[in-house]
Amino acid sequence: MSLNQNTEKEFEHIISICRDIFLAKTKDYGTAWRILRTTSITDQIYIKAQRIRSIDDKGVQKVEEGVKPEYIGIVNYSVMALIQLELGTGDRLELDAGDAERFYNTYIYAARDLMLNKNHDYGEAWRNMRISSLNDIILMKLLRIKQIEDNKGRTFISEGLDANYYDIINYAIFALIRLEYESS
């Protein structure tokens, strides 16, 4: 099995974990997150990435929730942000479970396809990166998103909001792959 095939298999495994949590929470809460503006979702992702960095910097945590759930939250909130970019925060706040799952799959598999293309070109370089660096890149992407949001979505040369959310999904999944498969 080539490295890329292994990556795709690992990626699919992590996607299934993230999707299962997204769907379970949809059953519990509906799509209450639809009320959030993308700026609020960006801040939620930032909080999660900053907590991971804080735990890494301090070497200790006081809330026993680990970093895996935070990375899963980063993936799922990023998918929510992409859905919000498409749908906006209009009148239709509640999505039925089937629609929510279809939207989720559309964006998570678009992220996977992007990862496969970039992974081909970069030759699995992420496997040699520190997990802390993956998180730092997520934080950098979030700061870029905040700047684009503050500029009302206008960019001069840079990729837009969606490209940054896709990258965040992929870096978070890379971190989850490393955490899942290096610790077993």
C-alpha atoms as a PDB file:
ATOM      1  CA  MET A   1       0.000   0.000   0.000  1.00  0.00           C
ATOM      2  CA  SER A   2       1.440   3.366  -0.980  1.00  0.00           C
ATOM      3  CA  LEU A   3       1.715   6.168   1.534  1.00  0.00           C
ATOM      4  CA  ASN A   4      -1.037   8.111  -0.235  1.00  0.00           C
ATOM      5  CA  GLN A   5      -3.408   5.120  -0.035  1.00  0.00           C
ATOM      6  CA  ASN A   6      -2.597   4.798   3.659  1.00  0.00           C
ATOM      7  CA  THR A   7      -3.235   8.514   4.159  1.00  0.00           C
ATOM      8  CA  GLU A   8      -6.579   8.255   2.392  1.00  0.00           C
ATOM      9  CA  LYS A   9      -7.592   5.315   4.608  1.00  0.00           C
ATOM     10  CA  GLU A  10      -6.499   7.139   7.774  1.00  0.00           C
ATOM     11  CA  PHE A  11      -8.243  10.308   6.604  1.00  0.00           C
ATOM     12  CA  GLU A  12     -11.487   8.355   6.031  1.00  0.00           C
ATOM     13  CA  HIS A  13     -11.249   6.886   9.528  1.00  0.00           C
ATOM     14  CA  ILE A  14     -10.859  10.333  11.105  1.00  0.00           C
ATOM     15  CA  ILE A  15     -13.678  11.745   8.929  1.00  0.00           C
ATOM     16  CA  SER A  16     -16.001   9.000  10.193  1.00  0.00           C
ATOM     17  CA  ILE A  17     -15.183   9.880  13.825  1.00  0.00           C
ATOM     18  CA  CYS A  18     -15.775  13.602  13.214  1.00  0.00           C
ATOM     19  CA  ARG A  19     -18.978  13.007  11.228  1.00  0.00           C
ATOM     20  CA  ASP A  20     -20.391  10.630  13.865  1.00  0.00           C
ATOM     21  CA  ILE A  21     -19.905  13.302  16.537  1.00  0.00           C
ATOM     22  CA  PHE A  22     -21.391  15.999  14.273  1.00  0.00           C
ATOM     23  CA  LEU A  23     -24.463  13.848  13.585  1.00  0.00           C
ATOM     24  CA  ALA A  24     -24.904  12.831  17.237  1.00  0.00           C
ATOM     25  CA  LYS A  25     -24.782  16.473  18.288  1.00  0.00           C
ATOM     26  CA  THR A  26     -27.249  17.305  15.503  1.00  0.00           C
ATOM     27  CA  LYS A  27     -29.633  14.762  17.043  1.00  0.00           C
ATOM     28  CA  ASP A  28     -29.130  16.328  20.481  1.00  0.00           C
ATOM     29  CA  TYR A  29     -29.203  20.013  19.536  1.00  0.00           C
ATOM     30  CA  GLY A  30     -30.530  20.250  16.004  1.00  0.00           C
ATOM     31  CA  THR A  31     -28.652  22.818  13.958  1.00  0.00           C
ATOM     32  CA  ALA A  32     -28.681  25.560  16.586  1.00  0.00           C
ATOM     33  CA  TRP A  33     -25.218  26.551  15.270  1.00  0.00           C
ATOM     34  CA  ARG A  34     -26.968  27.974  12.197  1.00  0.00           C
ATOM     35  CA  ILE A  35     -27.657  31.132  14.237  1.00  0.00           C
ATOM     36  CA  LEU A  36     -23.908  31.840  14.370  1.00  0.00           C
ATOM     37  CA  ARG A  37     -22.275  34.244  11.974  1.00  0.00           C
ATOM     38  CA  THR A  38     -19.100  32.919  10.406  1.00  0.00           C
ATOM     39  CA  THR A  39     -17.155  35.397  12.554  1.00  0.00           C
ATOM     40  CA  SER A  40     -18.513  33.669  15.666  1.00  0.00           C
ATOM     41  CA  ILE A  41     -17.619  30.247  14.284  1.00  0.00           C
ATOM     42  CA  THR A  42     -14.110  31.517  13.546  1.00  0.00           C
ATOM     43  CA  ASP A  43     -13.841  32.579  17.184  1.00  0.00           C
ATOM     44  CA  GLN A  44     -15.042  29.145  18.364  1.00  0.00           C
ATOM     45  CA  ILE A  45     -12.342  27.477  16.273  1.00  0.00           C
ATOM     46  CA  TYR A  46      -9.782  29.952  17.627  1.00  0.00           C
ATOM     47  CA  ILE A  47     -10.725  29.083  21.220  1.00  0.00           C
ATOM     48  CA  LYS A  48     -10.169  25.384  20.517  1.00  0.00           C
ATOM     49  CA  ALA A  49      -6.827  25.910  18.760  1.00  0.00           C
ATOM     50  CA  GLN A  50      -5.661  28.291  21.492  1.00  0.00           C
ATOM     51  CA  ARG A  51      -6.563  25.736  24.191  1.00  0.00           C
ATOM     52  CA  ILE A  52      -4.443  23.132  22.381  1.00  0.00           C
ATOM     53  CA  ARG A  53      -1.534  25.575  22.259  1.00  0.00           C
ATOM     54  CA  SER A  54      -1.965  26.502  25.912  1.00  0.00           C
ATOM     55  CA  ILE A  55      -1.929  22.837  26.977  1.00  0.00           C
ATOM     56  CA  ASP A  56       1.158  22.257  24.822  1.00  0.00           C
ATOM     57  CA  ASP A  57       2.950  25.327  26.237  1.00  0.00           C
ATOM     58  CA  LYS A  58       2.075  24.578  29.882  1.00  0.00           C
ATOM     59  CA  GLY A  59       2.551  20.824  29.604  1.00  0.00           C
ATOM     60  CA  VAL A  60      -0.445  20.306  31.869  1.00  0.00           C
ATOM     61  CA  GLN A  61      -4.195  20.684  31.655  1.00  0.00           C
ATOM     62  CA  LYS A  62      -6.811  21.202  34.359  1.00  0.00           C
ATOM     63  CA  VAL A  63      -9.838  20.103  32.326  1.00  0.00           C
ATOM     64  CA  GLU A  64      -9.457  16.439  31.427  1.00  0.00           C
ATOM     65  CA  GLU A  65     -10.783  16.595  27.883  1.00  0.00           C
ATOM     66  CA  GLY A  66      -7.530  16.145  25.994  1.00  0.00           C
ATOM     67  CA  VAL A  67      -6.688  17.661  22.631  1.00  0.00           C
ATOM     68  CA  LYS A  68      -8.329  15.095  20.324  1.00  0.00           C
ATOM     69  CA  PRO A  69     -11.844  16.417  21.055  1.00  0.00           C
ATOM     70  CA  GLU A  70     -10.566  19.947  20.370  1.00  0.00           C
ATOM     71  CA  TYR A  71      -9.216  18.934  16.950  1.00  0.00           C
ATOM     72  CA  ILE A  72     -12.504  17.161  16.194  1.00  0.00           C
ATOM     73  CA  GLY A  73     -14.301  20.366  17.166  1.00  0.00           C
ATOM     74  CA  ILE A  74     -11.999  22.347  14.859  1.00  0.00           C
ATOM     75  CA  VAL A  75     -12.902  20.043  11.956  1.00  0.00           C
ATOM     76  CA  ASN A  76     -16.625  20.194  12.666  1.00  0.00           C
ATOM     77  CA  TYR A  77     -16.786  23.944  13.275  1.00  0.00           C
ATOM     78  CA  SER A  78     -14.834  24.501  10.049  1.00  0.00           C
ATOM     79  CA  VAL A  79     -17.406  22.455   8.143  1.00  0.00           C
ATOM     80  CA  MET A  80     -20.140  24.506   9.828  1.00  0.00           C
ATOM     81  CA  ALA A  81     -18.392  27.687   8.698  1.00  0.00           C
ATOM     82  CA  LEU A  82     -18.326  26.458   5.094  1.00  0.00           C
ATOM     83  CA  ILE A  83     -22.033  25.623   5.315  1.00  0.00           C
ATOM     84  CA  GLN A  84     -22.723  29.090   6.722  1.00  0.00           C
ATOM     85  CA  LEU A  85     -20.721  30.706   3.922  1.00  0.00           C
ATOM     86  CA  GLU A  86     -23.037  28.976   1.449  1.00  0.00           C
ATOM     87  CA  LEU A  87     -26.360  29.350   3.265  1.00  0.00           C
ATOM     88  CA  GLY A  88     -25.830  32.499   5.305  1.00  0.00           C
ATOM     89  CA  THR A  89     -27.675  33.064   8.570  1.00  0.00           C
ATOM     90  CA  GLY A  90     -31.040  33.609   6.921  1.00  0.00           C
ATOM     91  CA  ASP A  91     -34.466  32.483   7.973  1.00  0.00           C
ATOM     92  CA  ARG A  92     -33.905  28.732   7.574  1.00  0.00           C
ATOM     93  CA  LEU A  93     -31.990  28.050  10.759  1.00  0.00           C
ATOM     94  CA  GLU A  94     -33.031  24.445  11.273  1.00  0.00           C
ATOM     95  CA  LEU A  95     -31.761  21.865   8.815  1.00  0.00           C
ATOM     96  CA  ASP A  96     -33.164  18.374   8.997  1.00  0.00           C
ATOM     97  CA  ALA A  97     -30.628  15.682   9.853  1.00  0.00           C
ATOM     98  CA  GLY A  98     -30.445  14.432   6.253  1.00  0.00           C
ATOM     99  CA  ASP A  99     -29.692  17.891   4.865  1.00  0.00           C
ATOM    100  CA  ALA A 100     -27.124  18.535   7.586  1.00  0.00           C
ATOM    101  CA  GLU A 101     -25.379  15.259   6.760  1.00  0.00           C
ATOM    102  CA  ARG A 102     -25.434  15.995   2.999  1.00  0.00           C
ATOM    103  CA  PHE A 103     -23.892  19.426   3.549  1.00  0.00           C
ATOM    104  CA  TYR A 104     -21.316  17.929   5.919  1.00  0.00           C
ATOM    105  CA  ASN A 105     -20.321  15.272   3.399  1.00  0.00           C
ATOM    106  CA  THR A 106     -20.082  17.801   0.563  1.00  0.00           C
ATOM    107  CA  TYR A 107     -17.566  19.936   2.439  1.00  0.00           C
ATOM    108  CA  ILE A 108     -15.597  17.217   4.215  1.00  0.00           C
ATOM    109  CA  TYR A 109     -15.055  15.340   0.951  1.00  0.00           C
ATOM    110  CA  ALA A 110     -14.096  18.540  -0.847  1.00  0.00           C
ATOM    111  CA  ALA A 111     -11.478  18.989   1.908  1.00  0.00           C
ATOM    112  CA  ARG A 112     -10.328  15.400   1.422  1.00  0.00           C
ATOM    113  CA  ASP A 113      -9.984  15.872  -2.348  1.00  0.00           C
ATOM    114  CA  LEU A 114      -7.966  19.045  -1.774  1.00  0.00           C
ATOM    115  CA  MET A 115      -5.776  17.157   0.706  1.00  0.00           C
ATOM    116  CA  LEU A 116      -5.128  14.351  -1.784  1.00  0.00           C
ATOM    117  CA  ASN A 117      -4.066  16.836  -4.469  1.00  0.00           C
ATOM    118  CA  LYS A 118      -1.839  18.843  -2.124  1.00  0.00           C
ATOM    119  CA  ASN A 119      -0.480  15.694  -0.504  1.00  0.00           C
ATOM    120  CA  HIS A 120       0.578  14.457  -3.939  1.00  0.00           C
ATOM    121  CA  ASP A 121       2.481  17.671  -4.600  1.00  0.00           C
ATOM    122  CA  TYR A 122       4.000  18.034  -1.118  1.00  0.00           C
ATOM    123  CA  GLY A 123       4.894  14.353  -0.711  1.00  0.00           C
ATOM    124  CA  GLU A 124       3.388  13.754   2.727  1.00  0.00           C
ATOM    125  CA  ALA A 125       5.539  16.489   4.302  1.00  0.00           C
ATOM    126  CA  TRP A 126       2.998  16.872   7.117  1.00  0.00           C
ATOM    127  CA  ARG A 127       4.053  13.473   8.501  1.00  0.00           C
ATOM    128  CA  ASN A 128       7.416  15.003   9.451  1.00  0.00           C
ATOM    129  CA  MET A 129       5.920  18.094  11.050  1.00  0.00           C
ATOM    130  CA  ARG A 130       5.444  18.503  14.766  1.00  0.00           C
ATOM    131  CA  ILE A 131       1.821  18.401  15.900  1.00  0.00           C
ATOM    132  CA  SER A 132       2.455  21.757  17.583  1.00  0.00           C
ATOM    133  CA  SER A 133       3.400  23.186  14.171  1.00  0.00           C
ATOM    134  CA  LEU A 134       0.156  21.863  12.658  1.00  0.00           C
ATOM    135  CA  ASN A 135      -1.714  23.713  15.400  1.00  0.00           C
ATOM    136  CA  ASP A 136       0.334  26.880  14.885  1.00  0.00           C
ATOM    137  CA  ILE A 137      -0.604  26.811  11.187  1.00  0.00           C
ATOM    138  CA  ILE A 138      -4.264  26.464  12.167  1.00  0.00           C
ATOM    139  CA  LEU A 139      -3.887  29.521  14.410  1.00  0.00           C
ATOM    140  CA  MET A 140      -2.185  31.436  11.578  1.00  0.00           C
ATOM    141  CA  LYS A 141      -5.015  30.508   9.183  1.00  0.00           C
ATOM    142  CA  LEU A 142      -7.523  31.722  11.784  1.00  0.00           C
ATOM    143  CA  LEU A 143      -5.744  35.064  12.073  1.00  0.00           C
ATOM    144  CA  ARG A 144      -5.860  35.328   8.276  1.00  0.00           C
ATOM    145  CA  ILE A 145      -9.582  34.545   8.327  1.00  0.00           C
ATOM    146  CA  LYS A 146     -10.168  37.199  10.991  1.00  0.00           C
ATOM    147  CA  GLN A 147      -8.323  39.746   8.841  1.00  0.00           C
ATOM    148  CA  ILE A 148     -10.366  38.813   5.768  1.00  0.00           C
ATOM    149  CA  GLU A 149     -13.560  39.033   7.834  1.00  0.00           C
ATOM    150  CA  ASP A 150     -12.503  42.443   9.149  1.00  0.00           C
ATOM    151  CA  ASN A 151     -11.940  43.471   5.504  1.00  0.00           C
ATOM    152  CA  LYS A 152     -15.527  42.430   4.689  1.00  0.00           C
ATOM    153  CA  GLY A 153     -14.283  39.428   2.719  1.00  0.00           C
ATOM    154  CA  ARG A 154     -12.101  41.421   0.330  1.00  0.00           C
ATOM    155  CA  THR A 155      -8.661  40.162  -0.574  1.00  0.00           C
ATOM    156  CA  PHE A 156      -6.188  41.529  -3.095  1.00  0.00           C
ATOM    157  CA  ILE A 157      -4.124  38.466  -3.900  1.00  0.00           C
ATOM    158  CA  SER A 158      -4.897  35.886  -1.214  1.00  0.00           C
ATOM    159  CA  GLU A 159      -7.264  32.959  -1.110  1.00  0.00           C
ATOM    160  CA  GLY A 160     -10.660  33.590   0.404  1.00  0.00           C
ATOM    161  CA  LEU A 161     -12.354  32.391   3.556  1.00  0.00           C
ATOM    162  CA  ASP A 162     -13.354  29.015   2.173  1.00  0.00           C
ATOM    163  CA  ALA A 163      -9.795  28.048   1.182  1.00  0.00           C
ATOM    164  CA  ASN A 164      -8.573  28.830   4.689  1.00  0.00           C
ATOM    165  CA  TYR A 165     -11.348  26.777   6.322  1.00  0.00           C
ATOM    166  CA  TYR A 166     -10.498  23.845   4.032  1.00  0.00           C
ATOM    167  CA  ASP A 167      -6.848  24.100   5.038  1.00  0.00           C
ATOM    168  CA  ILE A 168      -7.828  24.193   8.718  1.00  0.00           C
ATOM    169  CA  ILE A 169      -9.890  21.026   8.267  1.00  0.00           C
ATOM    170  CA  ASN A 170      -6.950  19.267   6.668  1.00  0.00           C
ATOM    171  CA  TYR A 171      -4.354  20.390   9.229  1.00  0.00           C
ATOM    172  CA  ALA A 172      -6.677  19.340  12.076  1.00  0.00           C
ATOM    173  CA  ILE A 173      -7.220  15.942  10.449  1.00  0.00           C
ATOM    174  CA  PHE A 174      -3.457  15.562   9.974  1.00  0.00           C
ATOM    175  CA  ALA A 175      -3.029  16.217  13.703  1.00  0.00           C
ATOM    176  CA  LEU A 176      -5.754  13.687  14.518  1.00  0.00           C
ATOM    177  CA  ILE A 177      -4.120  11.093  12.254  1.00  0.00           C
ATOM    178  CA  ARG A 178      -0.778  11.641  13.983  1.00  0.00           C
ATOM    179  CA  LEU A 179      -2.400  11.434  17.448  1.00  0.00           C
ATOM    180  CA  GLU A 180      -4.453   8.371  16.529  1.00  0.00           C
ATOM    181  CA  TYR A 181      -1.830   6.305  14.754  1.00  0.00           C
ATOM    182  CA  GLU A 182       1.346   7.316  16.562  1.00  0.00           C
ATOM    183  CA  SER A 183      -0.072   6.551  19.987  1.00  0.00           C
ATOM    184  CA  SER A 184      -1.352   3.082  19.047  1.00  0.00           C
END
